[in-house]
Each structure stands twice: as structure tokens, then as C-alpha cells.
Amino acid sequence: MADALIPLLEEVRGCRVCEEVLPLGPRPVVRASASARLLVIGQAPGTRVHASGIPWDDPSGVRLRAWLGMTPDTFYDVSRIAIMPMGFCYPGRGRGGDLPPRPECAPRWHPSLLAGMPDIRLVLLIGRYAQQRYLPDWRGSLSDTVARHREVPAPFFPLPHPSPRNTRWLRQRPWFEAEVVPALREQVAVALGQ
């Protein structure tokens, strides 16, 4: 299985399907291995991640790792943690921030990548795009989904985006830090066998 994932990742990283509409050109950002136990599904890389090629290499990643109680060394251990956004390339900027993830990526690549990661125990669904794709029958707002995380079917765990733009959202919902973050850390520890 691991041997099959390597050429698939090379194919993903060589994808040029959206090249004509990507303002900075294609640079798919993804990390995966057959032995990964935790999968992080976010939105799409920002400009900083596009430049570095390292997922969550920005203030959002700092906050996400804080929620997880995880060092960068652990977070970037691809043998344990896979990172697969909804859109693999920077989509460009709109009026309110980055544009939504390109719609071509997830249907094109997620099924094959998931098939190559049979040991995934926990999938973090970060933001509404990931939640809409992987929880299609779930009804409610992002806040409602995150608040009711214990009711979400396994192996999924919904989270808001850790962007600094969401600081107000977090301040208005103190239950997130008090209740959701400890539950998240507990599930991550179980998934990673800690």
C-alpha cells in the first residue's frame, strides 16, 4: 500500500488541472503516508504556505498545533499525521480573504489518497468546506457542528478554522477552548496511540 501511495502523491503534486485560474500557479500541498493515523483536512493553502510548500506553516498552523497540544516535530511526522486540504493549491484572494478551495481537488484526489491510508483513526474537518463534504447529511451551522462534536460520526471531528480572522468567533464562544479543545486532545492521543 505504501508503494502505491508514493506515485499517487507524485501525481497529485504534478497536477495542473486548475493552472489557468490559479493566480500564483499550481503548487499542490499535501502530506500522506500509509501508516498515518490522524488526517487533517483543511481548506486550501494561503500565500505563505504556497511559498514554503509546508502545510499550516503560518499563524493558523500555530493556533492549530496549540489546540492539538502538539509540537511542530510531531505535527509534521508524516508517518503519523497526514495533511490533505480540500483544495491543494492557493486559490487566490477575494473581498473577504482567500477564495474558497478549488472544487476540482477533493473529488479528483481525496478518494484515492484515503484508500492509500488504511490506518486513519481520526479525521479533523477544519472549516465548513471540509464539513460540508464529509458530513453531507449534517444540518446546522459551523458553530452548531463544532459544539455538537460528540454527536458527529466517527472518525470525524469538526473544528473551526484556526485563522487569526476567527479570533472574534473564538472569543464569543468560550466553550470551544473549555470543552472542545480538551476533547480534541483526548481523541488525538487515542488516535496516535499515546
N, C-alpha and C. Protein backbone atom coordinates (compact mmCIF):
# COMPACT_ATOMS: atom_id res chain seq x y z
N MET A 1 0.83 -1.20 0.00
CA MET A 1 0.00 0.00 0.00
C MET A 1 0.87 1.25 0.00
N ALA A 2 1.94 1.27 0.79
CA ALA A 2 2.81 2.46 0.85
C ALA A 2 3.42 2.72 -0.51
N ASP A 3 3.82 1.65 -1.23
CA ASP A 3 4.41 1.83 -2.55
C ASP A 3 3.41 2.46 -3.51
N ALA A 4 2.13 2.14 -3.39
CA ALA A 4 1.10 2.70 -4.27
C ALA A 4 0.87 4.18 -3.97
N LEU A 5 1.07 4.59 -2.73
CA LEU A 5 0.82 5.98 -2.34
C LEU A 5 1.90 6.92 -2.88
N ILE A 6 3.12 6.46 -2.99
CA ILE A 6 4.22 7.32 -3.46
C ILE A 6 3.97 7.84 -4.88
N PRO A 7 3.67 6.98 -5.85
CA PRO A 7 3.39 7.53 -7.19
C PRO A 7 2.14 8.40 -7.22
N LEU A 8 1.15 8.06 -6.39
CA LEU A 8 -0.06 8.88 -6.33
C LEU A 8 0.27 10.28 -5.83
N LEU A 9 1.08 10.38 -4.78
CA LEU A 9 1.48 11.69 -4.27
C LEU A 9 2.27 12.47 -5.32
N GLU A 10 3.11 11.80 -6.08
CA GLU A 10 3.84 12.47 -7.16
C GLU A 10 2.87 12.99 -8.21
N GLU A 11 1.85 12.20 -8.51
CA GLU A 11 0.84 12.63 -9.48
C GLU A 11 0.07 13.84 -8.96
N VAL A 12 -0.31 13.81 -7.67
CA VAL A 12 -1.02 14.94 -7.07
C VAL A 12 -0.15 16.19 -7.14
N ARG A 13 1.10 16.06 -6.76
CA ARG A 13 1.99 17.22 -6.73
C ARG A 13 2.29 17.75 -8.13
N GLY A 14 2.07 16.93 -9.13
CA GLY A 14 2.27 17.36 -10.51
C GLY A 14 0.98 17.85 -11.18
N CYS A 15 -0.12 17.88 -10.45
CA CYS A 15 -1.42 18.26 -11.01
C CYS A 15 -1.39 19.70 -11.55
N ARG A 16 -1.97 19.87 -12.72
CA ARG A 16 -2.05 21.19 -13.36
C ARG A 16 -3.48 21.48 -13.83
N VAL A 17 -4.46 20.78 -13.29
CA VAL A 17 -5.85 20.90 -13.74
C VAL A 17 -6.35 22.35 -13.66
N CYS A 18 -6.01 23.07 -12.61
CA CYS A 18 -6.52 24.43 -12.39
C CYS A 18 -5.52 25.51 -12.77
N GLU A 19 -4.45 25.15 -13.42
CA GLU A 19 -3.33 26.06 -13.66
C GLU A 19 -3.77 27.43 -14.20
N GLU A 20 -4.71 27.44 -15.12
CA GLU A 20 -5.11 28.69 -15.76
C GLU A 20 -5.84 29.66 -14.83
N VAL A 21 -6.39 29.16 -13.73
CA VAL A 21 -7.15 30.04 -12.84
C VAL A 21 -6.45 30.31 -11.50
N LEU A 22 -5.28 29.75 -11.31
CA LEU A 22 -4.55 29.96 -10.06
C LEU A 22 -3.62 31.17 -10.19
N PRO A 23 -3.82 32.20 -9.37
CA PRO A 23 -3.04 33.43 -9.54
C PRO A 23 -1.54 33.25 -9.32
N LEU A 24 -1.14 32.31 -8.49
CA LEU A 24 0.29 32.06 -8.25
C LEU A 24 0.77 30.78 -8.91
N GLY A 25 -0.08 30.18 -9.71
CA GLY A 25 0.27 28.94 -10.37
C GLY A 25 0.05 27.75 -9.46
N PRO A 26 0.14 26.54 -10.00
CA PRO A 26 -0.08 25.34 -9.19
C PRO A 26 1.12 25.03 -8.30
N ARG A 27 0.83 24.65 -7.08
CA ARG A 27 1.81 24.10 -6.15
C ARG A 27 1.03 23.28 -5.13
N PRO A 28 0.58 22.11 -5.52
CA PRO A 28 -0.20 21.28 -4.60
C PRO A 28 0.56 20.97 -3.31
N VAL A 29 -0.11 21.18 -2.19
CA VAL A 29 0.48 20.93 -0.87
C VAL A 29 -0.32 19.81 -0.21
N VAL A 30 0.36 18.69 0.02
CA VAL A 30 -0.28 17.52 0.64
C VAL A 30 0.80 16.67 1.28
N ARG A 31 0.45 16.01 2.39
CA ARG A 31 1.36 15.06 3.05
C ARG A 31 0.53 13.84 3.42
N ALA A 32 1.05 12.68 3.11
CA ALA A 32 0.31 11.45 3.42
C ALA A 32 1.26 10.27 3.47
N SER A 33 0.86 9.28 4.23
CA SER A 33 1.58 8.01 4.27
C SER A 33 0.60 6.91 4.63
N ALA A 34 0.92 5.70 4.26
CA ALA A 34 0.05 4.56 4.55
C ALA A 34 -0.06 4.30 6.04
N SER A 35 0.91 4.75 6.82
CA SER A 35 0.90 4.49 8.26
C SER A 35 0.24 5.60 9.08
N ALA A 36 -0.17 6.70 8.43
CA ALA A 36 -0.77 7.82 9.16
C ALA A 36 -2.02 7.38 9.91
N ARG A 37 -2.20 7.93 11.11
CA ARG A 37 -3.36 7.61 11.94
C ARG A 37 -4.30 8.80 12.12
N LEU A 38 -3.77 10.00 11.91
CA LEU A 38 -4.54 11.23 12.04
C LEU A 38 -4.51 11.95 10.70
N LEU A 39 -5.67 12.40 10.23
CA LEU A 39 -5.76 13.14 8.98
C LEU A 39 -6.34 14.51 9.26
N VAL A 40 -5.64 15.54 8.79
CA VAL A 40 -6.08 16.92 8.92
C VAL A 40 -6.58 17.38 7.55
N ILE A 41 -7.87 17.70 7.47
CA ILE A 41 -8.44 18.20 6.22
C ILE A 41 -8.84 19.65 6.46
N GLY A 42 -8.09 20.56 5.87
CA GLY A 42 -8.37 21.99 5.98
C GLY A 42 -8.98 22.51 4.71
N GLN A 43 -8.78 23.81 4.46
CA GLN A 43 -9.39 24.45 3.29
C GLN A 43 -8.44 24.43 2.10
N ALA A 44 -7.48 25.33 2.08
CA ALA A 44 -6.51 25.44 0.98
C ALA A 44 -5.32 26.23 1.49
N PRO A 45 -4.17 26.06 0.89
CA PRO A 45 -3.00 26.82 1.32
C PRO A 45 -3.19 28.32 1.12
N GLY A 46 -2.63 29.11 2.02
CA GLY A 46 -2.55 30.55 1.83
C GLY A 46 -1.26 30.89 1.11
N THR A 47 -0.97 32.16 0.99
CA THR A 47 0.22 32.58 0.24
C THR A 47 1.51 32.13 0.92
N ARG A 48 1.54 32.16 2.25
CA ARG A 48 2.75 31.74 2.96
C ARG A 48 3.03 30.25 2.76
N VAL A 49 1.98 29.45 2.86
CA VAL A 49 2.13 28.00 2.63
C VAL A 49 2.46 27.73 1.16
N HIS A 50 1.86 28.48 0.25
CA HIS A 50 2.20 28.32 -1.16
C HIS A 50 3.71 28.56 -1.36
N ALA A 51 4.24 29.60 -0.71
CA ALA A 51 5.66 29.93 -0.87
C ALA A 51 6.57 28.86 -0.28
N SER A 52 6.20 28.34 0.91
CA SER A 52 7.08 27.38 1.59
C SER A 52 6.84 25.94 1.15
N GLY A 53 5.62 25.63 0.73
CA GLY A 53 5.27 24.25 0.40
C GLY A 53 5.02 23.40 1.64
N ILE A 54 4.98 24.04 2.81
CA ILE A 54 4.78 23.33 4.08
C ILE A 54 3.38 23.64 4.59
N PRO A 55 2.51 22.64 4.72
CA PRO A 55 1.14 22.90 5.17
C PRO A 55 1.10 23.48 6.58
N TRP A 56 0.18 24.39 6.80
CA TRP A 56 -0.04 25.01 8.11
C TRP A 56 1.21 25.73 8.61
N ASP A 57 2.01 26.25 7.70
CA ASP A 57 3.23 26.99 8.02
C ASP A 57 2.90 28.48 8.11
N ASP A 58 1.99 28.81 9.02
CA ASP A 58 1.50 30.19 9.14
C ASP A 58 0.85 30.35 10.51
N PRO A 59 0.33 31.54 10.83
CA PRO A 59 -0.31 31.72 12.14
C PRO A 59 -1.47 30.76 12.40
N SER A 60 -2.20 30.38 11.35
CA SER A 60 -3.28 29.40 11.54
C SER A 60 -2.71 28.07 12.03
N GLY A 61 -1.57 27.69 11.49
CA GLY A 61 -0.93 26.44 11.91
C GLY A 61 -0.43 26.50 13.34
N VAL A 62 0.06 27.65 13.74
CA VAL A 62 0.50 27.82 15.14
C VAL A 62 -0.69 27.59 16.07
N ARG A 63 -1.82 28.21 15.74
CA ARG A 63 -3.01 28.05 16.59
C ARG A 63 -3.52 26.61 16.55
N LEU A 64 -3.54 25.99 15.38
CA LEU A 64 -3.99 24.60 15.28
C LEU A 64 -3.13 23.69 16.14
N ARG A 65 -1.82 23.83 16.06
CA ARG A 65 -0.93 22.99 16.87
C ARG A 65 -1.14 23.25 18.37
N ALA A 66 -1.46 24.49 18.73
CA ALA A 66 -1.76 24.79 20.14
C ALA A 66 -3.04 24.05 20.56
N TRP A 67 -4.06 24.07 19.72
CA TRP A 67 -5.28 23.33 20.04
C TRP A 67 -4.98 21.85 20.23
N LEU A 68 -4.12 21.33 19.38
CA LEU A 68 -3.79 19.90 19.43
C LEU A 68 -2.83 19.57 20.57
N GLY A 69 -2.18 20.59 21.14
CA GLY A 69 -1.16 20.36 22.16
C GLY A 69 0.03 19.64 21.56
N MET A 70 0.42 20.05 20.35
CA MET A 70 1.39 19.31 19.56
C MET A 70 2.56 20.19 19.14
N THR A 71 3.75 19.63 19.19
CA THR A 71 4.93 20.34 18.70
C THR A 71 4.97 20.25 17.17
N PRO A 72 5.72 21.15 16.52
CA PRO A 72 5.86 21.03 15.06
C PRO A 72 6.48 19.67 14.66
N ASP A 73 7.42 19.16 15.44
CA ASP A 73 8.03 17.87 15.09
C ASP A 73 6.99 16.76 15.02
N THR A 74 6.09 16.73 15.97
CA THR A 74 5.03 15.71 15.95
C THR A 74 4.05 15.98 14.82
N PHE A 75 3.63 17.24 14.67
CA PHE A 75 2.64 17.60 13.66
C PHE A 75 3.12 17.26 12.25
N TYR A 76 4.40 17.43 11.99
CA TYR A 76 4.93 17.18 10.66
C TYR A 76 5.53 15.78 10.49
N ASP A 77 5.26 14.88 11.41
CA ASP A 77 5.70 13.49 11.28
C ASP A 77 4.71 12.77 10.35
N VAL A 78 5.05 12.73 9.08
CA VAL A 78 4.13 12.20 8.07
C VAL A 78 3.83 10.72 8.28
N SER A 79 4.66 10.02 9.03
CA SER A 79 4.36 8.61 9.30
C SER A 79 3.16 8.48 10.24
N ARG A 80 2.80 9.56 10.93
CA ARG A 80 1.69 9.53 11.88
C ARG A 80 0.54 10.46 11.51
N ILE A 81 0.86 11.58 10.84
CA ILE A 81 -0.14 12.60 10.56
C ILE A 81 -0.13 12.97 9.08
N ALA A 82 -1.29 12.84 8.46
CA ALA A 82 -1.46 13.23 7.05
C ALA A 82 -2.18 14.57 7.00
N ILE A 83 -1.87 15.34 5.98
CA ILE A 83 -2.47 16.66 5.82
C ILE A 83 -2.94 16.77 4.36
N MET A 84 -4.25 16.93 4.19
CA MET A 84 -4.85 16.90 2.87
C MET A 84 -5.95 17.97 2.80
N PRO A 85 -5.67 19.13 2.24
CA PRO A 85 -6.70 20.16 2.20
C PRO A 85 -7.81 19.86 1.18
N MET A 86 -8.86 20.63 1.26
CA MET A 86 -9.94 20.50 0.27
C MET A 86 -9.47 20.95 -1.11
N GLY A 87 -8.65 21.97 -1.14
CA GLY A 87 -8.02 22.45 -2.36
C GLY A 87 -6.53 22.46 -2.13
N PHE A 88 -5.76 21.84 -3.00
CA PHE A 88 -4.33 21.65 -2.73
C PHE A 88 -3.46 22.86 -3.09
N CYS A 89 -4.01 23.81 -3.84
CA CYS A 89 -3.24 24.98 -4.26
C CYS A 89 -3.89 26.27 -3.75
N TYR A 90 -3.09 27.32 -3.64
CA TYR A 90 -3.61 28.62 -3.24
C TYR A 90 -4.62 29.09 -4.29
N PRO A 91 -5.88 29.37 -3.86
CA PRO A 91 -6.93 29.68 -4.82
C PRO A 91 -7.01 31.14 -5.26
N GLY A 92 -6.32 32.02 -4.55
CA GLY A 92 -6.42 33.44 -4.86
C GLY A 92 -7.16 34.18 -3.76
N ARG A 93 -7.26 35.47 -3.95
CA ARG A 93 -7.85 36.33 -2.93
C ARG A 93 -9.15 36.94 -3.42
N GLY A 94 -10.12 37.01 -2.50
CA GLY A 94 -11.40 37.65 -2.78
C GLY A 94 -11.57 38.85 -1.87
N ARG A 95 -12.78 39.38 -1.81
CA ARG A 95 -13.04 40.57 -0.99
C ARG A 95 -12.83 40.32 0.51
N GLY A 96 -13.24 39.17 1.00
CA GLY A 96 -13.19 38.90 2.43
C GLY A 96 -12.02 38.03 2.86
N GLY A 97 -11.06 37.82 1.99
CA GLY A 97 -9.93 36.94 2.31
C GLY A 97 -9.67 36.01 1.15
N ASP A 98 -9.07 34.88 1.43
CA ASP A 98 -8.77 33.92 0.37
C ASP A 98 -10.07 33.37 -0.21
N LEU A 99 -10.01 33.05 -1.49
CA LEU A 99 -11.16 32.44 -2.16
C LEU A 99 -11.38 31.03 -1.63
N PRO A 100 -12.56 30.46 -1.88
CA PRO A 100 -12.81 29.08 -1.46
C PRO A 100 -11.85 28.12 -2.16
N PRO A 101 -11.65 26.93 -1.59
CA PRO A 101 -10.81 25.93 -2.25
C PRO A 101 -11.37 25.61 -3.64
N ARG A 102 -10.49 25.32 -4.57
CA ARG A 102 -10.94 24.93 -5.90
C ARG A 102 -11.78 23.65 -5.78
N PRO A 103 -12.92 23.60 -6.46
CA PRO A 103 -13.82 22.45 -6.31
C PRO A 103 -13.33 21.17 -6.99
N GLU A 104 -12.30 21.27 -7.82
CA GLU A 104 -11.83 20.09 -8.56
C GLU A 104 -11.02 19.13 -7.69
N CYS A 105 -10.32 19.65 -6.69
CA CYS A 105 -9.34 18.84 -5.95
C CYS A 105 -9.94 17.66 -5.17
N ALA A 106 -10.86 17.95 -4.28
CA ALA A 106 -11.36 16.89 -3.39
C ALA A 106 -11.95 15.72 -4.16
N PRO A 107 -12.87 15.95 -5.12
CA PRO A 107 -13.41 14.78 -5.84
C PRO A 107 -12.36 14.04 -6.65
N ARG A 108 -11.39 14.77 -7.15
CA ARG A 108 -10.36 14.16 -8.00
C ARG A 108 -9.36 13.34 -7.21
N TRP A 109 -8.93 13.82 -6.03
CA TRP A 109 -7.81 13.21 -5.32
C TRP A 109 -8.15 12.56 -3.98
N HIS A 110 -9.12 13.07 -3.25
CA HIS A 110 -9.37 12.54 -1.91
C HIS A 110 -9.66 11.04 -1.87
N PRO A 111 -10.54 10.51 -2.73
CA PRO A 111 -10.83 9.07 -2.63
C PRO A 111 -9.59 8.19 -2.76
N SER A 112 -8.73 8.48 -3.72
CA SER A 112 -7.53 7.66 -3.91
C SER A 112 -6.56 7.81 -2.75
N LEU A 113 -6.39 9.04 -2.27
CA LEU A 113 -5.49 9.26 -1.13
C LEU A 113 -6.02 8.55 0.11
N LEU A 114 -7.32 8.67 0.37
CA LEU A 114 -7.90 7.98 1.53
C LEU A 114 -7.74 6.47 1.43
N ALA A 115 -7.90 5.94 0.24
CA ALA A 115 -7.74 4.49 0.05
C ALA A 115 -6.32 4.05 0.36
N GLY A 116 -5.35 4.94 0.20
CA GLY A 116 -3.96 4.62 0.47
C GLY A 116 -3.55 4.83 1.92
N MET A 117 -4.50 5.25 2.76
CA MET A 117 -4.22 5.48 4.19
C MET A 117 -5.18 4.66 5.05
N PRO A 118 -4.99 3.35 5.10
CA PRO A 118 -5.95 2.48 5.78
C PRO A 118 -5.93 2.58 7.31
N ASP A 119 -4.91 3.19 7.89
CA ASP A 119 -4.80 3.24 9.36
C ASP A 119 -5.33 4.52 9.98
N ILE A 120 -6.00 5.37 9.20
CA ILE A 120 -6.54 6.62 9.74
C ILE A 120 -7.58 6.30 10.82
N ARG A 121 -7.39 6.87 11.99
CA ARG A 121 -8.29 6.66 13.13
C ARG A 121 -9.16 7.89 13.42
N LEU A 122 -8.64 9.09 13.04
CA LEU A 122 -9.33 10.34 13.35
C LEU A 122 -9.10 11.31 12.20
N VAL A 123 -10.19 11.98 11.79
CA VAL A 123 -10.12 12.95 10.70
C VAL A 123 -10.62 14.29 11.23
N LEU A 124 -9.74 15.28 11.25
CA LEU A 124 -10.12 16.62 11.67
C LEU A 124 -10.67 17.36 10.46
N LEU A 125 -11.92 17.80 10.56
CA LEU A 125 -12.58 18.54 9.49
C LEU A 125 -12.55 20.02 9.87
N ILE A 126 -11.62 20.75 9.27
CA ILE A 126 -11.40 22.13 9.66
C ILE A 126 -12.11 23.06 8.70
N GLY A 127 -13.13 23.73 9.21
CA GLY A 127 -13.89 24.69 8.42
C GLY A 127 -15.07 24.06 7.71
N ARG A 128 -15.92 24.92 7.19
CA ARG A 128 -17.18 24.45 6.62
C ARG A 128 -17.03 23.67 5.32
N TYR A 129 -16.00 23.95 4.52
CA TYR A 129 -15.85 23.22 3.26
C TYR A 129 -15.60 21.74 3.51
N ALA A 130 -14.71 21.43 4.44
CA ALA A 130 -14.43 20.03 4.78
C ALA A 130 -15.66 19.39 5.42
N GLN A 131 -16.33 20.14 6.29
CA GLN A 131 -17.50 19.59 6.97
C GLN A 131 -18.65 19.34 6.00
N GLN A 132 -18.85 20.22 5.03
CA GLN A 132 -19.91 20.00 4.05
C GLN A 132 -19.64 18.77 3.18
N ARG A 133 -18.38 18.54 2.86
CA ARG A 133 -18.07 17.37 2.02
C ARG A 133 -18.19 16.06 2.80
N TYR A 134 -17.66 16.04 4.01
CA TYR A 134 -17.58 14.77 4.74
C TYR A 134 -18.73 14.53 5.72
N LEU A 135 -19.55 15.55 5.94
CA LEU A 135 -20.74 15.39 6.77
C LEU A 135 -21.95 15.90 5.98
N PRO A 136 -22.22 15.34 4.81
CA PRO A 136 -23.24 15.90 3.93
C PRO A 136 -24.65 15.88 4.51
N ASP A 137 -24.93 14.96 5.41
CA ASP A 137 -26.27 14.86 6.00
C ASP A 137 -26.41 15.65 7.29
N TRP A 138 -25.33 16.26 7.74
CA TRP A 138 -25.36 17.01 8.99
C TRP A 138 -26.00 18.36 8.73
N ARG A 139 -26.90 18.75 9.58
CA ARG A 139 -27.58 20.04 9.43
C ARG A 139 -27.17 20.96 10.58
N GLY A 140 -26.95 22.19 10.26
CA GLY A 140 -26.61 23.18 11.28
C GLY A 140 -25.43 24.03 10.86
N SER A 141 -25.22 25.08 11.60
CA SER A 141 -24.12 25.99 11.33
C SER A 141 -22.79 25.37 11.75
N LEU A 142 -21.71 26.01 11.37
CA LEU A 142 -20.39 25.55 11.79
C LEU A 142 -20.33 25.56 13.32
N SER A 143 -20.84 26.61 13.95
CA SER A 143 -20.82 26.69 15.42
C SER A 143 -21.57 25.52 16.04
N ASP A 144 -22.73 25.21 15.48
CA ASP A 144 -23.54 24.11 15.99
C ASP A 144 -22.81 22.78 15.81
N THR A 145 -22.21 22.59 14.65
CA THR A 145 -21.50 21.34 14.38
C THR A 145 -20.34 21.17 15.35
N VAL A 146 -19.55 22.23 15.55
CA VAL A 146 -18.41 22.15 16.47
C VAL A 146 -18.90 21.92 17.90
N ALA A 147 -19.96 22.62 18.31
CA ALA A 147 -20.48 22.46 19.66
C ALA A 147 -20.98 21.03 19.90
N ARG A 148 -21.51 20.40 18.86
CA ARG A 148 -22.06 19.04 18.98
C ARG A 148 -21.07 18.00 18.48
N HIS A 149 -19.78 18.27 18.60
CA HIS A 149 -18.73 17.40 18.07
C HIS A 149 -18.86 15.96 18.54
N ARG A 150 -19.39 15.74 19.74
CA ARG A 150 -19.52 14.36 20.26
C ARG A 150 -20.59 13.56 19.51
N GLU A 151 -21.49 14.26 18.82
CA GLU A 151 -22.54 13.60 18.06
C GLU A 151 -22.14 13.32 16.61
N VAL A 152 -21.05 13.91 16.17
CA VAL A 152 -20.58 13.73 14.80
C VAL A 152 -20.06 12.30 14.66
N PRO A 153 -20.42 11.62 13.56
CA PRO A 153 -19.99 10.23 13.42
C PRO A 153 -18.47 10.09 13.32
N ALA A 154 -17.98 9.02 13.94
CA ALA A 154 -16.55 8.70 13.85
C ALA A 154 -16.23 8.36 12.40
N PRO A 155 -15.05 8.66 11.95
CA PRO A 155 -13.87 9.13 12.67
C PRO A 155 -13.69 10.65 12.64
N PHE A 156 -14.79 11.39 12.39
CA PHE A 156 -14.67 12.82 12.15
C PHE A 156 -14.75 13.65 13.43
N PHE A 157 -13.99 14.76 13.41
CA PHE A 157 -14.02 15.74 14.49
C PHE A 157 -14.02 17.12 13.84
N PRO A 158 -15.14 17.87 13.99
CA PRO A 158 -15.24 19.18 13.34
C PRO A 158 -14.57 20.29 14.15
N LEU A 159 -13.90 21.18 13.43
CA LEU A 159 -13.24 22.33 14.06
C LEU A 159 -13.50 23.58 13.24
N PRO A 160 -13.46 24.74 13.88
CA PRO A 160 -13.47 25.98 13.11
C PRO A 160 -12.09 26.16 12.49
N HIS A 161 -11.98 27.06 11.55
CA HIS A 161 -10.65 27.34 11.01
C HIS A 161 -9.86 28.12 12.06
N PRO A 162 -8.59 27.78 12.29
CA PRO A 162 -7.80 28.46 13.32
C PRO A 162 -7.21 29.79 12.87
N SER A 163 -7.70 30.33 11.79
CA SER A 163 -7.19 31.60 11.26
C SER A 163 -7.30 32.72 12.29
N PRO A 164 -6.34 33.64 12.30
CA PRO A 164 -6.47 34.83 13.14
C PRO A 164 -7.75 35.62 12.83
N ARG A 165 -8.29 35.47 11.63
CA ARG A 165 -9.56 36.13 11.29
C ARG A 165 -10.72 35.60 12.15
N ASN A 166 -10.55 34.43 12.74
CA ASN A 166 -11.61 33.83 13.56
C ASN A 166 -11.43 34.10 15.06
N THR A 167 -10.56 35.00 15.41
CA THR A 167 -10.33 35.31 16.83
C THR A 167 -11.63 35.77 17.50
N ARG A 168 -12.40 36.60 16.83
CA ARG A 168 -13.67 37.07 17.41
C ARG A 168 -14.63 35.89 17.63
N TRP A 169 -14.70 34.99 16.64
CA TRP A 169 -15.56 33.81 16.77
C TRP A 169 -15.17 33.04 18.03
N LEU A 170 -13.88 32.84 18.23
CA LEU A 170 -13.39 32.10 19.39
C LEU A 170 -13.69 32.83 20.70
N ARG A 171 -13.51 34.14 20.70
CA ARG A 171 -13.80 34.92 21.92
C ARG A 171 -15.27 34.85 22.30
N GLN A 172 -16.14 34.82 21.28
CA GLN A 172 -17.58 34.78 21.53
C GLN A 172 -18.07 33.39 21.95
N ARG A 173 -17.21 32.40 21.84
CA ARG A 173 -17.57 31.02 22.17
C ARG A 173 -16.53 30.41 23.11
N PRO A 174 -16.51 30.87 24.37
CA PRO A 174 -15.51 30.35 25.31
C PRO A 174 -15.62 28.85 25.54
N TRP A 175 -16.77 28.27 25.23
CA TRP A 175 -16.94 26.82 25.37
C TRP A 175 -15.99 26.05 24.46
N PHE A 176 -15.53 26.69 23.37
CA PHE A 176 -14.63 25.98 22.46
C PHE A 176 -13.33 25.62 23.18
N GLU A 177 -12.67 26.59 23.78
CA GLU A 177 -11.41 26.33 24.50
C GLU A 177 -11.65 25.46 25.73
N ALA A 178 -12.77 25.70 26.41
CA ALA A 178 -13.04 25.00 27.67
C ALA A 178 -13.47 23.54 27.47
N GLU A 179 -14.23 23.27 26.40
CA GLU A 179 -14.80 21.94 26.23
C GLU A 179 -14.28 21.18 25.00
N VAL A 180 -14.21 21.88 23.88
CA VAL A 180 -13.87 21.19 22.64
C VAL A 180 -12.37 20.85 22.57
N VAL A 181 -11.52 21.81 22.93
CA VAL A 181 -10.08 21.56 22.85
C VAL A 181 -9.65 20.37 23.72
N PRO A 182 -10.10 20.26 24.97
CA PRO A 182 -9.71 19.07 25.74
C PRO A 182 -10.21 17.76 25.11
N ALA A 183 -11.43 17.77 24.57
CA ALA A 183 -11.95 16.57 23.90
C ALA A 183 -11.14 16.25 22.66
N LEU A 184 -10.74 17.29 21.93
CA LEU A 184 -9.90 17.11 20.74
C LEU A 184 -8.58 16.45 21.12
N ARG A 185 -7.92 16.99 22.13
CA ARG A 185 -6.62 16.44 22.55
C ARG A 185 -6.75 14.99 23.00
N GLU A 186 -7.84 14.68 23.65
CA GLU A 186 -8.07 13.30 24.10
C GLU A 186 -8.21 12.37 22.90
N GLN A 187 -8.99 12.78 21.91
CA GLN A 187 -9.19 11.93 20.73
C GLN A 187 -7.91 11.79 19.90
N VAL A 188 -7.13 12.87 19.83
CA VAL A 188 -5.87 12.82 19.11
C VAL A 188 -4.92 11.83 19.78
N ALA A 189 -4.85 11.89 21.11
CA ALA A 189 -3.97 10.97 21.85
C ALA A 189 -4.37 9.52 21.61
N VAL A 190 -5.67 9.24 21.60
CA VAL A 190 -6.15 7.88 21.33
C VAL A 190 -5.77 7.45 19.91
N ALA A 191 -6.03 8.35 18.95
CA ALA A 191 -5.74 8.02 17.54
C ALA A 191 -4.27 7.73 17.32
N LEU A 192 -3.40 8.48 17.99
CA LEU A 192 -1.97 8.31 17.81
C LEU A 192 -1.37 7.26 18.74
N GLY A 193 -2.21 6.68 19.59
CA GLY A 193 -1.75 5.63 20.50
C GLY A 193 -0.84 6.14 21.59
N GLN A 194 -1.13 7.35 22.07
CA GLN A 194 -0.28 7.95 23.12
C GLN A 194 -0.84 7.68 24.51
